[in-house]
C-alpha atoms as a PDB file:
ATOM      1  CA  MET A   1     109.821 155.050 172.625  1.00  0.00           C
ATOM      2  CA  ASP A   2     113.474 154.154 173.384  1.00  0.00           C
ATOM      3  CA  ASP A   3     115.255 150.991 172.225  1.00  0.00           C
ATOM      4  CA  THR A   4     114.352 149.108 175.410  1.00  0.00           C
ATOM      5  CA  GLY A   5     110.699 150.010 175.009  1.00  0.00           C
ATOM      6  CA  ILE A   6     110.712 148.937 171.362  1.00  0.00           C
ATOM      7  CA  PHE A   7     112.305 145.617 172.298  1.00  0.00           C
ATOM      8  CA  LEU A   8     109.838 144.899 175.099  1.00  0.00           C
ATOM      9  CA  HIS A   9     106.996 145.793 172.730  1.00  0.00           C
ATOM     10  CA  SER A  10     108.322 143.170 170.306  1.00  0.00           C
ATOM     11  CA  VAL A  11     108.490 140.672 173.189  1.00  0.00           C
ATOM     12  CA  GLU A  12     104.802 141.313 173.870  1.00  0.00           C
ATOM     13  CA  ALA A  13     104.063 140.559 170.208  1.00  0.00           C
ATOM     14  CA  LEU A  14     105.940 137.265 170.598  1.00  0.00           C
ATOM     15  CA  ARG A  15     103.901 136.429 173.672  1.00  0.00           C
ATOM     16  CA  LEU A  16     100.673 136.896 171.722  1.00  0.00           C
ATOM     17  CA  GLN A  17     102.091 134.691 168.967  1.00  0.00           C
ATOM     18  CA  VAL A  18     102.786 131.979 171.533  1.00  0.00           C
ATOM     19  CA  ASP A  19      99.226 132.227 172.855  1.00  0.00           C
ATOM     20  CA  ARG A  20      97.771 131.831 169.360  1.00  0.00           C
ATOM     21  CA  ARG A  21      99.950 128.827 168.588  1.00  0.00           C
ATOM     22  CA  LEU A  22      99.190 127.155 171.928  1.00  0.00           C
ATOM     23  CA  ALA A  23      95.480 127.256 171.116  1.00  0.00           C
ATOM     24  CA  GLU A  24      96.204 125.635 167.732  1.00  0.00           C
ATOM     25  CA  LEU A  25      98.338 122.830 169.160  1.00  0.00           C
ATOM     26  CA  ILE A  26      95.707 121.298 171.449  1.00  0.00           C
ATOM     27  CA  PRO A  27      92.304 119.941 170.395  1.00  0.00           C
ATOM     28  CA  PRO A  28      89.263 122.205 170.727  1.00  0.00           C
ATOM     29  CA  PRO A  29      87.783 121.871 174.218  1.00  0.00           C
ATOM     30  CA  ASP A  30      84.559 120.302 172.983  1.00  0.00           C
ATOM     31  CA  GLU A  31      86.371 117.459 171.192  1.00  0.00           C
ATOM     32  CA  GLU A  32      87.498 115.753 174.409  1.00  0.00           C
ATOM     33  CA  PRO A  33      85.210 113.634 176.631  1.00  0.00           C
ATOM     34  CA  GLY A  34      83.522 115.287 179.558  1.00  0.00           C
ATOM     35  CA  ARG A  35      85.285 118.421 180.724  1.00  0.00           C
ATOM     36  CA  LEU A  36      88.814 117.210 179.990  1.00  0.00           C
ATOM     37  CA  GLY A  37      89.318 119.515 177.023  1.00  0.00           C
ATOM     38  CA  GLU A  38      87.942 122.484 178.914  1.00  0.00           C
ATOM     39  CA  ALA A  39      90.285 121.792 181.824  1.00  0.00           C
ATOM     40  CA  ALA A  40      93.287 121.549 179.494  1.00  0.00           C
ATOM     41  CA  HIS A  41      92.437 124.834 177.784  1.00  0.00           C
ATOM     42  CA  TYR A  42      91.809 126.515 181.139  1.00  0.00           C
ATOM     43  CA  ALA A  43      95.213 125.434 182.458  1.00  0.00           C
ATOM     44  CA  LEU A  44      97.243 126.076 179.310  1.00  0.00           C
ATOM     45  CA  LEU A  45      95.714 129.339 178.124  1.00  0.00           C
ATOM     46  CA  ALA A  46      95.400 131.060 181.493  1.00  0.00           C
ATOM     47  CA  PRO A  47      96.842 134.588 181.418  1.00  0.00           C
ATOM     48  CA  GLY A  48     100.589 134.500 181.956  1.00  0.00           C
ATOM     49  CA  LYS A  49     103.825 136.131 180.895  1.00  0.00           C
ATOM     50  CA  ARG A  50     104.912 132.993 178.962  1.00  0.00           C
ATOM     51  CA  PHE A  51     108.397 133.422 180.365  1.00  0.00           C
ATOM     52  CA  ARG A  52     109.723 129.971 179.418  1.00  0.00           C
ATOM     53  CA  PRO A  53     108.542 129.961 175.787  1.00  0.00           C
ATOM     54  CA  LEU A  54     109.795 133.514 175.345  1.00  0.00           C
ATOM     55  CA  LEU A  55     113.151 132.408 176.697  1.00  0.00           C
ATOM     56  CA  THR A  56     113.287 129.726 174.004  1.00  0.00           C
ATOM     57  CA  LEU A  57     112.314 132.152 171.256  1.00  0.00           C
ATOM     58  CA  LEU A  58     114.700 134.888 172.309  1.00  0.00           C
ATOM     59  CA  CYS A  59     117.634 132.502 172.718  1.00  0.00           C
ATOM     60  CA  ALA A  60     116.974 131.075 169.248  1.00  0.00           C
ATOM     61  CA  GLU A  61     116.718 134.577 167.816  1.00  0.00           C
ATOM     62  CA  ALA A  62     119.961 135.600 169.549  1.00  0.00           C
ATOM     63  CA  PHE A  63     121.799 133.067 167.390  1.00  0.00           C
ATOM     64  CA  GLY A  64     120.079 133.967 164.153  1.00  0.00           C
ATOM     65  CA  ALA A  65     117.129 131.568 163.943  1.00  0.00           C
ATOM     66  CA  PRO A  66     113.757 132.904 162.765  1.00  0.00           C
ATOM     67  CA  VAL A  67     111.158 132.860 165.513  1.00  0.00           C
ATOM     68  CA  GLY A  68     108.932 130.484 163.568  1.00  0.00           C
ATOM     69  CA  ARG A  69     111.535 127.742 163.708  1.00  0.00           C
ATOM     70  CA  ALA A  70     111.477 127.707 167.507  1.00  0.00           C
ATOM     71  CA  LEU A  71     107.773 128.433 168.058  1.00  0.00           C
ATOM     72  CA  ASP A  72     106.506 124.884 168.537  1.00  0.00           C
ATOM     73  CA  MET A  73     109.416 124.057 170.823  1.00  0.00           C
ATOM     74  CA  ALA A  74     108.576 127.147 172.839  1.00  0.00           C
ATOM     75  CA  CYS A  75     104.947 126.064 173.093  1.00  0.00           C
ATOM     76  CA  ALA A  76     106.025 122.624 174.284  1.00  0.00           C
ATOM     77  CA  MET A  77     107.870 124.324 177.147  1.00  0.00           C
ATOM     78  CA  GLU A  78     104.697 126.153 178.139  1.00  0.00           C
ATOM     79  CA  MET A  79     102.692 122.918 178.023  1.00  0.00           C
ATOM     80  CA  VAL A  80     105.113 121.281 180.439  1.00  0.00           C
ATOM     81  CA  HIS A  81     105.061 124.313 182.708  1.00  0.00           C
ATOM     82  CA  ALA A  82     101.259 124.491 182.720  1.00  0.00           C
ATOM     83  CA  ALA A  83     101.025 120.769 183.500  1.00  0.00           C
ATOM     84  CA  SER A  84     103.439 121.175 186.406  1.00  0.00           C
ATOM     85  CA  LEU A  85     101.393 124.045 187.841  1.00  0.00           C
ATOM     86  CA  VAL A  86      98.196 121.990 187.778  1.00  0.00           C
ATOM     87  CA  LEU A  87      99.923 119.183 189.679  1.00  0.00           C
ATOM     88  CA  ASP A  88     101.638 121.522 192.152  1.00  0.00           C
ATOM     89  CA  ASP A  89      98.297 123.127 193.017  1.00  0.00           C
ATOM     90  CA  LEU A  90      96.501 119.866 193.908  1.00  0.00           C
ATOM     91  CA  PRO A  91      95.345 119.254 197.504  1.00  0.00           C
ATOM     92  CA  SER A  92      97.935 116.485 197.840  1.00  0.00           C
ATOM     93  CA  MET A  93     100.682 118.972 196.921  1.00  0.00           C
ATOM     94  CA  ASP A  94     100.338 122.691 197.739  1.00  0.00           C
ATOM     95  CA  ASP A  95      96.520 122.822 197.957  1.00  0.00           C
ATOM     96  CA  ALA A  96      96.433 126.200 196.206  1.00  0.00           C
ATOM     97  CA  ARG A  97      93.338 128.316 195.599  1.00  0.00           C
ATOM     98  CA  LEU A  98      94.684 130.777 193.030  1.00  0.00           C
ATOM     99  CA  ARG A  99      96.943 130.504 190.017  1.00  0.00           C
ATOM    100  CA  ARG A 100      97.582 133.256 187.500  1.00  0.00           C
ATOM    101  CA  GLY A 101      94.897 135.396 189.061  1.00  0.00           C
ATOM    102  CA  ARG A 102      92.029 132.899 188.958  1.00  0.00           C
ATOM    103  CA  PRO A 103      90.901 129.716 190.710  1.00  0.00           C
ATOM    104  CA  THR A 104      93.198 126.737 190.255  1.00  0.00           C
ATOM    105  CA  THR A 105      92.243 124.105 187.699  1.00  0.00           C
ATOM    106  CA  HIS A 106      91.198 121.436 190.203  1.00  0.00           C
ATOM    107  CA  ARG A 107      88.909 123.892 191.990  1.00  0.00           C
ATOM    108  CA  VAL A 108      87.050 124.594 188.746  1.00  0.00           C
ATOM    109  CA  TYR A 109      87.057 121.161 187.083  1.00  0.00           C
ATOM    110  CA  GLY A 110      87.706 118.734 189.928  1.00  0.00           C
ATOM    111  CA  GLU A 111      90.833 116.794 190.761  1.00  0.00           C
ATOM    112  CA  ALA A 112      90.306 113.959 188.273  1.00  0.00           C
ATOM    113  CA  ASP A 113      89.975 116.177 185.204  1.00  0.00           C
ATOM    114  CA  ALA A 114      92.802 118.396 186.440  1.00  0.00           C
ATOM    115  CA  ILE A 115      95.169 115.432 186.715  1.00  0.00           C
ATOM    116  CA  LEU A 116      94.130 114.042 183.348  1.00  0.00           C
ATOM    117  CA  ALA A 117      94.507 117.456 181.731  1.00  0.00           C
ATOM    118  CA  SER A 118      98.037 117.797 183.119  1.00  0.00           C
ATOM    119  CA  VAL A 119      99.000 114.345 181.803  1.00  0.00           C
ATOM    120  CA  GLY A 120      97.506 115.240 178.432  1.00  0.00           C
ATOM    121  CA  LEU A 121      99.440 118.505 178.253  1.00  0.00           C
ATOM    122  CA  LEU A 122     102.676 116.829 179.286  1.00  0.00           C
ATOM    123  CA  THR A 123     102.430 114.103 176.668  1.00  0.00           C
ATOM    124  CA  ARG A 124     101.300 116.568 174.017  1.00  0.00           C
ATOM    125  CA  ALA A 125     104.459 118.600 174.626  1.00  0.00           C
ATOM    126  CA  PHE A 126     106.672 115.684 173.614  1.00  0.00           C
ATOM    127  CA  GLY A 127     104.443 114.947 170.639  1.00  0.00           C
ATOM    128  CA  VAL A 128     104.761 118.532 169.429  1.00  0.00           C
ATOM    129  CA  ILE A 129     108.558 118.329 169.495  1.00  0.00           C
ATOM    130  CA  ALA A 130     108.668 114.936 167.778  1.00  0.00           C
ATOM    131  CA  ALA A 131     106.348 116.159 164.998  1.00  0.00           C
ATOM    132  CA  ASP A 132     108.167 119.440 164.338  1.00  0.00           C
ATOM    133  CA  GLU A 133     109.385 118.988 160.754  1.00  0.00           C
ATOM    134  CA  GLY A 134     111.064 122.379 160.839  1.00  0.00           C
ATOM    135  CA  LEU A 135     113.792 120.873 163.022  1.00  0.00           C
ATOM    136  CA  ALA A 136     116.396 118.325 162.041  1.00  0.00           C
ATOM    137  CA  ALA A 137     115.741 114.801 163.325  1.00  0.00           C
ATOM    138  CA  GLU A 138     118.915 114.934 165.406  1.00  0.00           C
ATOM    139  CA  ASP A 139     117.773 118.142 167.077  1.00  0.00           C
ATOM    140  CA  ARG A 140     114.293 116.780 167.763  1.00  0.00           C
ATOM    141  CA  SER A 141     115.773 113.747 169.454  1.00  0.00           C
ATOM    142  CA  ALA A 142     118.164 115.815 171.566  1.00  0.00           C
ATOM    143  CA  LEU A 143     115.412 118.243 172.577  1.00  0.00           C
ATOM    144  CA  VAL A 144     113.103 115.429 173.663  1.00  0.00           C
ATOM    145  CA  VAL A 145     115.865 113.925 175.799  1.00  0.00           C
ATOM    146  CA  SER A 146     116.719 117.295 177.345  1.00  0.00           C
ATOM    147  CA  LEU A 147     113.105 118.058 178.214  1.00  0.00           C
ATOM    148  CA  ALA A 148     112.533 114.572 179.626  1.00  0.00           C
ATOM    149  CA  GLU A 149     115.520 115.042 181.935  1.00  0.00           C
ATOM    150  CA  ALA A 150     114.238 118.448 183.022  1.00  0.00           C
ATOM    151  CA  VAL A 151     110.834 117.005 183.925  1.00  0.00           C
ATOM    152  CA  GLY A 152     111.787 113.622 185.355  1.00  0.00           C
ATOM    153  CA  PHE A 153     113.662 112.013 188.198  1.00  0.00           C
ATOM    154  CA  SER A 154     116.496 114.541 188.178  1.00  0.00           C
ATOM    155  CA  GLY A 155     114.303 117.567 187.502  1.00  0.00           C
ATOM    156  CA  LEU A 156     110.854 118.945 188.317  1.00  0.00           C
ATOM    157  CA  VAL A 157     109.424 115.689 189.629  1.00  0.00           C
ATOM    158  CA  ALA A 158     112.377 115.101 191.940  1.00  0.00           C
ATOM    159  CA  GLY A 159     112.326 118.700 193.139  1.00  0.00           C
ATOM    160  CA  GLN A 160     108.659 118.549 194.083  1.00  0.00           C
ATOM    161  CA  ALA A 161     109.107 115.187 195.817  1.00  0.00           C
ATOM    162  CA  LEU A 162     112.050 116.508 197.820  1.00  0.00           C
ATOM    163  CA  ASP A 163     110.122 119.614 198.772  1.00  0.00           C
ATOM    164  CA  LEU A 164     107.147 117.590 199.998  1.00  0.00           C
ATOM    165  CA  ALA A 165     109.208 114.974 201.824  1.00  0.00           C
ATOM    166  CA  GLU A 166     111.332 117.406 203.811  1.00  0.00           C
ATOM    167  CA  ARG A 167     109.166 120.501 203.856  1.00  0.00           C
ATOM    168  CA  ASN A 168     109.507 121.158 207.583  1.00  0.00           C
ATOM    169  CA  ARG A 169     113.235 120.392 207.900  1.00  0.00           C
ATOM    170  CA  PRO A 170     115.537 123.394 208.286  1.00  0.00           C
ATOM    171  CA  ARG A 171     117.747 123.829 205.206  1.00  0.00           C
ATOM    172  CA  THR A 172     120.890 125.743 204.438  1.00  0.00           C
ATOM    173  CA  VAL A 173     120.949 128.318 201.649  1.00  0.00           C
ATOM    174  CA  ALA A 174     123.027 125.900 199.548  1.00  0.00           C
ATOM    175  CA  GLU A 175     120.408 123.182 200.042  1.00  0.00           C
ATOM    176  CA  LEU A 176     117.659 125.635 199.134  1.00  0.00           C
ATOM    177  CA  ASP A 177     119.498 126.633 195.966  1.00  0.00           C
ATOM    178  CA  ALA A 178     119.764 122.975 194.957  1.00  0.00           C
ATOM    179  CA  LEU A 179     116.061 122.431 195.658  1.00  0.00           C
ATOM    180  CA  ASN A 180     115.002 125.610 193.863  1.00  0.00           C
ATOM    181  CA  HIS A 181     117.093 124.646 190.869  1.00  0.00           C
ATOM    182  CA  ARG A 182     115.213 121.371 190.547  1.00  0.00           C
ATOM    183  CA  LYS A 183     111.823 122.986 191.140  1.00  0.00           C
ATOM    184  CA  THR A 184     112.327 125.970 188.847  1.00  0.00           C
ATOM    185  CA  GLY A 185     115.722 126.254 187.207  1.00  0.00           C
ATOM    186  CA  VAL A 186     115.852 122.988 185.274  1.00  0.00           C
ATOM    187  CA  LEU A 187     112.946 123.887 182.995  1.00  0.00           C
ATOM    188  CA  MET A 188     114.317 127.383 182.455  1.00  0.00           C
ATOM    189  CA  MET A 189     117.665 125.875 181.513  1.00  0.00           C
ATOM    190  CA  ALA A 190     115.980 123.458 179.133  1.00  0.00           C
ATOM    191  CA  ALA A 191     114.048 126.353 177.547  1.00  0.00           C
ATOM    192  CA  ALA A 192     117.141 128.503 177.029  1.00  0.00           C
ATOM    193  CA  GLU A 193     119.349 125.670 175.803  1.00  0.00           C
ATOM    194  CA  ALA A 194     116.622 124.511 173.411  1.00  0.00           C
ATOM    195  CA  GLY A 195     116.456 127.942 171.824  1.00  0.00           C
ATOM    196  CA  ALA A 196     120.235 128.119 171.565  1.00  0.00           C
ATOM    197  CA  ARG A 197     120.370 124.683 169.912  1.00  0.00           C
ATOM    198  CA  ILE A 198     117.698 125.652 167.393  1.00  0.00           C
ATOM    199  CA  GLY A 199     119.680 128.815 166.682  1.00  0.00           C
ATOM    200  CA  GLY A 200     122.785 126.787 165.918  1.00  0.00           C
ATOM    201  CA  ALA A 201     124.796 127.926 168.940  1.00  0.00           C
ATOM    202  CA  SER A 202     128.007 126.114 169.801  1.00  0.00           C
ATOM    203  CA  PRO A 203     128.029 123.672 172.736  1.00  0.00           C
ATOM    204  CA  GLU A 204     129.985 126.245 174.748  1.00  0.00           C
ATOM    205  CA  ALA A 205     127.424 128.969 174.059  1.00  0.00           C
ATOM    206  CA  ARG A 206     124.590 126.587 174.929  1.00  0.00           C
ATOM    207  CA  ARG A 207     126.227 125.879 178.277  1.00  0.00           C
ATOM    208  CA  GLU A 208     126.519 129.592 178.981  1.00  0.00           C
ATOM    209  CA  LEU A 209     122.860 130.092 178.086  1.00  0.00           C
ATOM    210  CA  GLY A 210     122.096 127.275 180.497  1.00  0.00           C
ATOM    211  CA  GLU A 211     124.050 129.060 183.236  1.00  0.00           C
ATOM    212  CA  PHE A 212     122.186 132.273 182.420  1.00  0.00           C
ATOM    213  CA  ALA A 213     118.890 130.449 182.852  1.00  0.00           C
ATOM    214  CA  ARG A 214     120.052 128.642 186.007  1.00  0.00           C
ATOM    215  CA  ARG A 215     120.896 131.928 187.667  1.00  0.00           C
ATOM    216  CA  LEU A 216     117.636 133.406 186.458  1.00  0.00           C
ATOM    217  CA  GLY A 217     115.749 130.476 187.970  1.00  0.00           C
ATOM    218  CA  LEU A 218     117.415 130.939 191.355  1.00  0.00           C
ATOM    219  CA  ALA A 219     116.614 134.650 191.319  1.00  0.00           C
ATOM    220  CA  PHE A 220     113.064 133.904 190.244  1.00  0.00           C
ATOM    221  CA  GLN A 221     112.477 131.492 193.123  1.00  0.00           C
ATOM    222  CA  ILE A 222     113.794 133.944 195.704  1.00  0.00           C
ATOM    223  CA  ARG A 223     111.466 136.570 194.316  1.00  0.00           C
ATOM    224  CA  ASP A 224     108.633 134.045 194.520  1.00  0.00           C
ATOM    225  CA  ASP A 225     109.494 133.494 198.188  1.00  0.00           C
ATOM    226  CA  LEU A 226     109.414 137.253 198.779  1.00  0.00           C
ATOM    227  CA  ILE A 227     105.976 137.434 197.178  1.00  0.00           C
ATOM    228  CA  ASP A 228     104.819 134.571 199.401  1.00  0.00           C
ATOM    229  CA  VAL A 229     105.401 136.522 202.602  1.00  0.00           C
ATOM    230  CA  GLU A 230     103.371 139.467 201.327  1.00  0.00           C
ATOM    231  CA  GLU A 231      99.636 139.842 201.745  1.00  0.00           C
ATOM    232  CA  GLY A 232      97.026 139.945 199.005  1.00  0.00           C
ATOM    233  CA  GLY A 233      96.950 136.778 196.950  1.00  0.00           C
ATOM    234  CA  GLU A 234      94.498 138.257 194.498  1.00  0.00           C
ATOM    235  CA  HIS A 235      96.884 141.159 193.828  1.00  0.00           C
ATOM    236  CA  VAL A 236      99.907 139.009 193.036  1.00  0.00           C
ATOM    237  CA  GLY A 237      97.881 136.447 191.102  1.00  0.00           C
ATOM    238  CA  LYS A 238      98.561 133.419 193.301  1.00  0.00           C
ATOM    239  CA  ASP A 239      98.248 132.223 196.884  1.00  0.00           C
ATOM    240  CA  VAL A 240     100.574 133.792 199.421  1.00  0.00           C
ATOM    241  CA  GLY A 241     101.594 132.570 202.867  1.00  0.00           C
ATOM    242  CA  LYS A 242     102.025 128.994 201.607  1.00  0.00           C
ATOM    243  CA  ASP A 243     105.624 128.864 202.856  1.00  0.00           C
ATOM    244  CA  ALA A 244     104.807 129.653 206.481  1.00  0.00           C
ATOM    245  CA  GLY A 245     106.896 127.453 208.750  1.00  0.00           C
ATOM    246  CA  MET A 246     109.204 126.370 205.914  1.00  0.00           C
ATOM    247  CA  THR A 247     112.803 127.388 205.415  1.00  0.00           C
ATOM    248  CA  THR A 248     113.226 129.615 202.362  1.00  0.00           C
ATOM    249  CA  VAL A 249     116.059 131.838 201.222  1.00  0.00           C
ATOM    250  CA  VAL A 250     114.019 134.767 202.542  1.00  0.00           C
ATOM    251  CA  SER A 251     113.548 133.254 206.009  1.00  0.00           C
ATOM    252  CA  ALA A 252     117.182 132.128 206.100  1.00  0.00           C
ATOM    253  CA  LEU A 253     118.730 135.436 205.034  1.00  0.00           C
ATOM    254  CA  GLY A 254     116.050 138.025 205.715  1.00  0.00           C
ATOM    255  CA  PRO A 255     114.256 140.106 203.051  1.00  0.00           C
ATOM    256  CA  ARG A 256     117.022 142.654 202.516  1.00  0.00           C
ATOM    257  CA  ALA A 257     119.742 140.048 201.984  1.00  0.00           C
ATOM    258  CA  ALA A 258     117.352 138.034 199.803  1.00  0.00           C
ATOM    259  CA  VAL A 259     116.913 141.050 197.515  1.00  0.00           C
ATOM    260  CA  ALA A 260     120.690 141.363 197.346  1.00  0.00           C
ATOM    261  CA  ALA A 261     120.933 137.672 196.456  1.00  0.00           C
ATOM    262  CA  ILE A 262     118.535 138.229 193.560  1.00  0.00           C
ATOM    263  CA  GLU A 263     120.770 140.974 192.217  1.00  0.00           C
ATOM    264  CA  THR A 264     123.853 138.745 192.590  1.00  0.00           C
ATOM    265  CA  HIS A 265     122.174 136.036 190.514  1.00  0.00           C
ATOM    266  CA  LEU A 266     121.066 138.528 187.868  1.00  0.00           C
ATOM    267  CA  GLU A 267     124.584 139.926 187.580  1.00  0.00           C
ATOM    268  CA  ALA A 268     125.948 136.398 187.155  1.00  0.00           C
ATOM    269  CA  ALA A 269     123.275 135.797 184.495  1.00  0.00           C
ATOM    270  CA  ASP A 270     124.447 138.920 182.645  1.00  0.00           C
ATOM    271  CA  GLU A 271     128.027 137.659 182.755  1.00  0.00           C
ATOM    272  CA  ALA A 272     127.004 134.302 181.299  1.00  0.00           C
ATOM    273  CA  LEU A 273     125.216 136.066 178.445  1.00  0.00           C
ATOM    274  CA  ALA A 274     128.331 138.059 177.691  1.00  0.00           C
ATOM    275  CA  ARG A 275     130.441 134.890 177.598  1.00  0.00           C
ATOM    276  CA  ALA A 276     127.914 133.349 175.206  1.00  0.00           C
ATOM    277  CA  GLY A 277     128.318 136.315 172.882  1.00  0.00           C
ATOM    278  CA  CYS A 278     124.732 137.536 173.216  1.00  0.00           C
ATOM    279  CA  ASP A 279     123.759 141.188 173.086  1.00  0.00           C
ATOM    280  CA  GLY A 280     121.954 142.964 175.900  1.00  0.00           C
ATOM    281  CA  ARG A 281     118.412 142.173 174.828  1.00  0.00           C
ATOM    282  CA  LEU A 282     118.170 138.915 176.753  1.00  0.00           C
ATOM    283  CA  ALA A 283     119.395 140.739 179.858  1.00  0.00           C
ATOM    284  CA  VAL A 284     116.733 143.396 179.350  1.00  0.00           C
ATOM    285  CA  PHE A 285     114.080 140.694 179.020  1.00  0.00           C
ATOM    286  CA  ALA A 286     115.324 138.891 182.128  1.00  0.00           C
ATOM    287  CA  ARG A 287     115.263 141.990 184.281  1.00  0.00           C
ATOM    288  CA  SER A 288     111.835 142.996 183.001  1.00  0.00           C
ATOM    289  CA  LEU A 289     110.481 139.877 184.702  1.00  0.00           C
ATOM    290  CA  PHE A 290     111.446 141.257 188.088  1.00  0.00           C
ATOM    291  CA  SER A 291     109.605 144.564 187.767  1.00  0.00           C
ATOM    292  CA  GLY A 292     106.439 144.985 189.835  1.00  0.00           C
ATOM    293  CA  ARG A 293     105.014 142.589 192.407  1.00  0.00           C
ATOM    294  CA  LYS A 294     102.941 140.201 190.369  1.00  0.00           C
ATOM    295  CA  ALA A 295     104.264 136.680 189.952  1.00  0.00           C
ATOM    296  CA  ALA A 296     105.543 135.955 186.456  1.00  0.00           C
ATOM    297  CA  ALA A 297     104.549 132.317 186.241  1.00  0.00           C
END
């Protein structure tokens, strides 16, 4: 096994560590009333690549922090992401059937328990950060603020609202990039910058890690749009064809130019990593997410 293979094998071990810790950080499913606990476990522990928590862990590690110091913060990122997926999939939003290769949470547990589970996961994420005694109080406070901004009225929430409100309006590529950043990039930036902060990175290095994640988010969303125009939702693990009639980077540029745009973003992400003083492992991890067809949510 070459160095890249050894590194990606270690990343898989980190992913399993995240899964174990996620299960420890939420109450057992039978402790919550009705099916609320089951719905929360179903949404949070669904099979996934755990991209955002791994980004936190690897960015922390890149600046010398032990993985354990960033683990709960990483899990908080996954809780927020899982909550956002449950909400995005609701009939009032994207009305999705599949997520991560299985029926969406509201289709299994009903809309009420799905919504309550997402609220529970979201609030638990902030509680996990606030209770993390392995982090300095100043860092906990800053991380809570950063995550709140990524989720709230300038982040995920605003991005989804904008997408729903103007879904059928033609958009320029620049407008799509701004929308995709709010829908996807802000949480990736928060994940990377959180890891860098925990690792003791300088403000300048944290900003470069944020740019790395921003570019990664833009590339990720274009790839998601490419997946959407393909057939076979069960194969890719999520619904496809949901963007029919909407302007996406793929419909605006065409598939070939969209693939080129992905590569442009990934090259810019590599450059940001170099400016931050990181070695090539984060770049290897980033590019591994774009191998194969299956969505890496």
